[in-house]
Amino acid sequence: MRNSAKPSPDAHEDGADTSTSTARSVLLGSTWLLIGQVVVVVAQLVYAGSASRLVEPDAFGSYAIALALMPLISLATNAGLGSAAARMPTADEQSLRGLVSIALLLGAVGTAATLLLAAPWARLWGSPPAAEAIRWSALVAFLNPLTGLFVGIMQREGRFRSGAVARTLAALGAIPVGYFVVGHFRSAPSLLATNLAIVVFQLTLLTLSRRSVLWPGRLSKVALGHLKFGSKVTVSNLIAYANGFVPFIALGRSLGADMLGNWNRATTVSQVPVEMAQQ
């Protein structure tokens, strides 16, 4: 007589409960992210419209040239750290500390690359004065990999709400800081104050949310292994960046920093909010 093993009702219910719990977690996480994006878009729209009146078009053009380099440095140095952290099968302290060390090393590389490329990048756009703003963006380049890593860790831990709240509060807190700095200095580098404040505030809030500080640790094979997936993400993002880079630089070289600044103002208050809402 052949025995047939039948799954127990309890096992079936446990699997269903796990699936339902995961779906609910993803739905709530997406909802929190959407709410945060809407708040940030509205706040930055108001800020961009106000701050754009405080500086001349050429300063806004230099700011746009600096912004064009920042994503390239960020993509090259983040190395998919956030994605690597989010997909870690086990988030043990040693592996996370190893990733923190990698993030700081990549941040230092990004800072050095930004400083070295400042003058050549500005000349490439036909606007040498933009080099000063680019050099100030090196501060953002240093913190970007660490911030991306912490965002991935929060996703790995399923703390979507905390991550969304940190991002929203960081953006809202950075707006008055940026407006004050721009109003005082009225220069291209001052426009980067908001970008720097967002990164600093977000990193601080994410650290406070976890209630534990992740110090740098020894580089392990496990930590380095997580970067293999991240490298694939980096390559695909760099290709996407290149697709949008060519027309942007053609505009800057042919029309100059003033026209680029006016165009950047227009996209800041129109196209950028729409793109952020679609992310």
Protein backbone atom coordinates (compact mmCIF):
# COMPACT_ATOMS: atom_id res chain seq x y z
CA MET A 1 0.00 0.00 0.00
CA ARG A 2 1.48 3.34 -1.06
CA ASN A 3 1.50 6.21 1.40
CA SER A 4 0.92 9.67 0.01
CA ALA A 5 2.23 12.60 1.99
CA LYS A 6 -0.21 15.46 2.11
CA PRO A 7 0.75 18.95 3.22
CA SER A 8 -0.76 19.82 6.54
CA PRO A 9 -3.25 22.68 6.76
CA ASP A 10 -0.95 24.42 9.20
CA ALA A 11 1.94 24.38 6.74
CA HIS A 12 -0.27 25.79 4.02
CA GLU A 13 -1.57 28.52 6.28
CA ASP A 14 1.94 29.43 7.41
CA GLY A 15 3.05 29.84 3.79
CA ALA A 16 -0.01 31.93 2.98
CA ASP A 17 0.54 34.10 6.04
CA THR A 18 4.18 34.67 5.07
CA SER A 19 3.22 35.59 1.52
CA THR A 20 0.50 37.95 2.73
CA SER A 21 2.85 39.57 5.23
CA THR A 22 5.49 40.15 2.55
CA ALA A 23 2.95 41.64 0.14
CA ARG A 24 1.60 43.91 2.87
CA SER A 25 5.11 45.05 3.77
CA VAL A 26 5.93 45.89 0.15
CA LEU A 27 2.62 47.76 -0.27
CA LEU A 28 3.13 49.81 2.88
CA GLY A 29 6.71 50.54 1.90
CA SER A 30 5.65 51.76 -1.54
CA THR A 31 2.93 53.92 0.03
CA TRP A 32 5.36 55.59 2.41
CA LEU A 33 7.85 56.20 -0.40
CA LEU A 34 5.13 57.74 -2.58
CA ILE A 35 3.94 60.05 0.19
CA GLY A 36 7.50 61.15 0.86
CA GLN A 37 8.12 61.85 -2.83
CA VAL A 38 5.00 63.98 -3.14
CA VAL A 39 5.96 66.08 -0.12
CA VAL A 40 9.53 66.51 -1.34
CA VAL A 41 8.46 67.44 -4.88
CA VAL A 42 6.06 70.15 -3.66
CA ALA A 43 8.58 71.58 -1.20
CA GLN A 44 11.44 71.62 -3.71
CA LEU A 45 9.21 73.15 -6.35
CA VAL A 46 8.51 76.11 -4.05
CA TYR A 47 12.19 76.36 -3.09
CA ALA A 48 13.45 76.22 -6.68
CA GLY A 49 11.05 78.95 -7.77
CA SER A 50 12.20 81.21 -4.93
CA ALA A 51 15.93 80.49 -4.99
CA SER A 52 16.18 80.89 -8.78
CA ARG A 53 15.36 84.58 -8.38
CA LEU A 54 18.30 85.17 -6.04
CA VAL A 55 21.14 84.30 -8.45
CA GLU A 56 22.08 85.32 -11.98
CA PRO A 57 21.55 82.94 -14.93
CA ASP A 58 25.30 82.35 -15.34
CA ALA A 59 25.52 81.16 -11.72
CA PHE A 60 22.63 78.81 -12.31
CA GLY A 61 24.43 77.59 -15.43
CA SER A 62 27.58 76.84 -13.41
CA TYR A 63 25.41 75.02 -10.89
CA ALA A 64 23.90 72.95 -13.71
CA ILE A 65 27.39 72.02 -14.93
CA ALA A 66 28.33 70.88 -11.42
CA LEU A 67 25.10 68.88 -11.18
CA ALA A 68 25.94 67.16 -14.46
CA LEU A 69 29.16 65.75 -12.99
CA MET A 70 27.69 64.74 -9.63
CA PRO A 71 25.58 61.82 -10.94
CA LEU A 72 28.55 60.48 -12.92
CA ILE A 73 30.78 60.49 -9.84
CA SER A 74 27.98 59.07 -7.72
CA LEU A 75 27.26 56.22 -10.14
CA ALA A 76 30.94 55.36 -10.48
CA THR A 77 31.69 55.38 -6.74
CA ASN A 78 28.47 54.06 -5.22
CA ALA A 79 29.23 50.73 -6.93
CA GLY A 80 25.68 49.59 -6.22
CA LEU A 81 26.35 49.53 -2.45
CA GLY A 82 22.72 50.21 -1.64
CA SER A 83 21.53 47.41 -3.91
CA ALA A 84 24.16 45.07 -2.48
CA ALA A 85 23.09 45.82 1.10
CA ALA A 86 19.39 45.44 0.27
CA ARG A 87 19.86 41.93 -1.14
CA MET A 88 22.18 40.58 1.57
CA PRO A 89 20.87 37.19 2.79
CA THR A 90 22.11 37.93 6.31
CA ALA A 91 22.80 41.41 7.66
CA ASP A 92 25.47 40.50 10.20
CA GLU A 93 27.39 43.31 11.87
CA GLN A 94 30.76 42.30 10.43
CA SER A 95 29.57 42.37 6.83
CA LEU A 96 27.83 45.72 7.31
CA ARG A 97 30.93 47.26 8.87
CA GLY A 98 32.96 45.99 5.95
CA LEU A 99 30.57 47.71 3.56
CA VAL A 100 30.90 50.94 5.58
CA SER A 101 34.67 50.80 5.07
CA ILE A 102 34.14 50.30 1.34
CA ALA A 103 31.69 53.24 1.25
CA LEU A 104 34.22 55.55 2.94
CA LEU A 105 36.98 54.46 0.56
CA LEU A 106 34.73 55.04 -2.45
CA GLY A 107 33.72 58.41 -1.01
CA ALA A 108 37.37 59.41 -0.78
CA VAL A 109 37.91 58.29 -4.39
CA GLY A 110 34.85 60.29 -5.49
CA THR A 111 36.14 63.38 -3.68
CA ALA A 112 39.56 63.13 -5.31
CA ALA A 113 38.03 62.51 -8.74
CA THR A 114 35.74 65.53 -8.40
CA LEU A 115 38.60 67.83 -7.45
CA LEU A 116 40.80 66.56 -10.28
CA LEU A 117 38.03 66.80 -12.87
CA ALA A 118 36.75 70.23 -11.80
CA ALA A 119 38.80 72.35 -14.21
CA PRO A 120 38.73 69.93 -17.19
CA TRP A 121 34.99 69.38 -16.78
CA ALA A 122 34.32 73.12 -16.69
CA ARG A 123 36.43 73.65 -19.82
CA LEU A 124 34.60 70.81 -21.55
CA TRP A 125 31.39 72.78 -21.09
CA GLY A 126 33.06 76.01 -22.19
CA SER A 127 32.55 77.61 -18.77
CA PRO A 128 35.78 77.75 -16.68
CA PRO A 129 34.10 79.65 -13.78
CA ALA A 130 31.99 76.55 -13.08
CA ALA A 131 35.09 74.82 -11.65
CA GLU A 132 34.55 76.47 -8.27
CA ALA A 133 31.06 75.03 -7.89
CA ILE A 134 32.31 71.62 -9.02
CA ARG A 135 35.01 71.62 -6.31
CA TRP A 136 32.41 72.33 -3.63
CA SER A 137 30.38 69.37 -4.87
CA ALA A 138 33.26 67.13 -3.71
CA LEU A 139 31.73 67.29 -0.22
CA VAL A 140 28.58 65.65 -1.53
CA ALA A 141 30.64 63.08 -3.44
CA PHE A 142 32.31 61.95 -0.21
CA LEU A 143 29.04 61.25 1.62
CA ASN A 144 26.97 59.83 -1.26
CA PRO A 145 28.24 56.21 -1.09
CA LEU A 146 27.67 56.04 2.67
CA THR A 147 24.16 57.47 2.34
CA GLY A 148 23.28 55.02 -0.42
CA LEU A 149 24.56 52.17 1.73
CA PHE A 150 22.38 53.18 4.68
CA VAL A 151 19.32 53.44 2.43
CA GLY A 152 19.97 49.89 1.25
CA ILE A 153 20.40 48.68 4.84
CA MET A 154 17.05 50.17 5.80
CA GLN A 155 15.42 48.40 2.86
CA ARG A 156 17.15 45.15 3.84
CA GLU A 157 15.68 45.48 7.35
CA GLY A 158 12.21 46.21 5.95
CA ARG A 159 12.14 49.68 7.52
CA PHE A 160 10.56 51.42 4.58
CA ARG A 161 8.63 53.94 6.66
CA SER A 162 11.71 55.03 8.61
CA GLY A 163 13.66 55.42 5.37
CA ALA A 164 10.89 57.45 3.73
CA VAL A 165 10.48 59.68 6.78
CA ALA A 166 14.25 60.27 6.95
CA ARG A 167 14.36 61.20 3.29
CA THR A 168 11.38 63.55 3.58
CA LEU A 169 12.60 65.29 6.74
CA ALA A 170 16.09 65.64 5.28
CA ALA A 171 14.73 67.33 2.15
CA LEU A 172 12.45 69.63 4.12
CA GLY A 173 15.18 70.53 6.61
CA ALA A 174 17.67 71.28 3.85
CA ILE A 175 15.40 73.80 2.12
CA PRO A 176 15.69 76.63 4.71
CA VAL A 177 19.43 75.97 5.01
CA GLY A 178 19.87 76.21 1.26
CA TYR A 179 17.68 79.29 0.97
CA PHE A 180 19.65 81.09 3.68
CA VAL A 181 23.02 80.27 2.09
CA VAL A 182 21.86 81.22 -1.41
CA GLY A 183 20.35 84.46 -0.12
CA HIS A 184 23.60 85.36 1.62
CA PHE A 185 26.18 84.43 -1.02
CA ARG A 186 24.10 84.49 -4.24
CA SER A 187 26.65 82.35 -6.09
CA ALA A 188 26.83 79.03 -7.92
CA PRO A 189 28.56 77.18 -5.03
CA SER A 190 25.89 78.40 -2.62
CA LEU A 191 23.25 76.57 -4.67
CA LEU A 192 24.96 73.31 -3.65
CA ALA A 193 24.19 73.95 0.02
CA THR A 194 20.81 72.24 -0.32
CA ASN A 195 22.36 69.14 -1.90
CA LEU A 196 24.95 68.87 0.86
CA ALA A 197 22.42 69.48 3.63
CA ILE A 198 20.11 66.77 2.26
CA VAL A 199 22.90 64.18 2.33
CA VAL A 200 24.07 65.17 5.83
CA PHE A 201 20.55 65.26 7.29
CA GLN A 202 19.51 61.98 5.67
CA LEU A 203 22.62 60.17 6.87
CA THR A 204 22.11 61.52 10.39
CA LEU A 205 18.42 60.60 10.51
CA LEU A 206 19.03 57.09 9.15
CA THR A 207 21.70 56.53 11.80
CA LEU A 208 19.39 57.76 14.57
CA SER A 209 16.56 55.60 13.22
CA ARG A 210 18.69 52.46 13.52
CA ARG A 211 19.72 53.51 17.04
CA SER A 212 23.18 52.16 16.42
CA VAL A 213 26.25 53.59 14.74
CA LEU A 214 27.93 51.43 12.12
CA TRP A 215 31.65 52.00 12.43
CA PRO A 216 34.08 50.99 9.69
CA GLY A 217 35.28 47.41 9.96
CA ARG A 218 37.59 44.89 8.39
CA LEU A 219 37.03 44.20 4.71
CA SER A 220 35.78 40.65 4.36
CA LYS A 221 35.27 38.37 1.37
CA VAL A 222 31.55 38.43 2.13
CA ALA A 223 31.43 42.23 1.93
CA LEU A 224 33.44 42.29 -1.28
CA GLY A 225 31.26 39.57 -2.75
CA HIS A 226 28.17 41.74 -2.44
CA LEU A 227 29.72 44.24 -4.85
CA LYS A 228 29.55 41.83 -7.78
CA PHE A 229 25.83 42.46 -8.13
CA GLY A 230 26.38 46.16 -7.49
CA SER A 231 28.84 46.43 -10.37
CA LYS A 232 26.15 45.26 -12.80
CA VAL A 233 23.78 47.93 -11.50
CA THR A 234 26.51 50.54 -11.91
CA VAL A 235 27.17 49.65 -15.55
CA SER A 236 23.49 49.87 -16.50
CA ASN A 237 23.11 53.22 -14.73
CA LEU A 238 26.20 54.64 -16.45
CA ILE A 239 24.74 53.70 -19.83
CA ALA A 240 21.50 55.48 -18.94
CA TYR A 241 23.49 58.54 -17.84
CA ALA A 242 25.40 58.64 -21.12
CA ASN A 243 22.15 58.69 -23.10
CA GLY A 244 21.02 61.92 -21.48
CA PHE A 245 24.46 63.53 -21.28
CA VAL A 246 25.16 64.31 -24.95
CA PRO A 247 22.27 66.72 -25.64
CA PHE A 248 22.84 68.45 -22.31
CA ILE A 249 26.51 69.22 -22.97
CA ALA A 250 25.73 70.26 -26.56
CA LEU A 251 23.32 72.86 -25.18
CA GLY A 252 25.91 74.20 -22.77
CA ARG A 253 28.72 74.48 -25.30
CA SER A 254 26.64 76.01 -28.07
CA LEU A 255 24.56 78.51 -26.09
CA GLY A 256 26.74 79.30 -23.06
CA ALA A 257 26.30 79.30 -19.30
CA ASP A 258 23.61 82.01 -19.26
CA MET A 259 21.27 80.09 -21.56
CA LEU A 260 22.09 76.84 -19.78
CA GLY A 261 21.17 78.51 -16.51
CA ASN A 262 17.82 79.67 -17.86
CA TRP A 263 17.14 76.21 -19.24
CA ASN A 264 18.11 74.66 -15.90
CA ARG A 265 15.70 76.99 -14.12
CA ALA A 266 12.89 75.90 -16.40
CA THR A 267 13.54 72.18 -15.96
CA THR A 268 13.95 72.57 -12.19
CA VAL A 269 10.42 73.88 -11.82
CA SER A 270 8.79 71.74 -14.51
CA GLN A 271 10.51 68.55 -15.70
CA VAL A 272 12.40 67.58 -12.52
CA PRO A 273 9.32 67.39 -10.24
CA VAL A 274 7.56 65.20 -12.80
CA GLU A 275 10.55 62.87 -13.08
CA MET A 276 10.81 62.60 -9.27
CA ALA A 277 7.13 61.74 -9.03
CA GLN A 278 7.62 58.94 -11.57
CA GLN A 279 10.52 57.32 -9.68
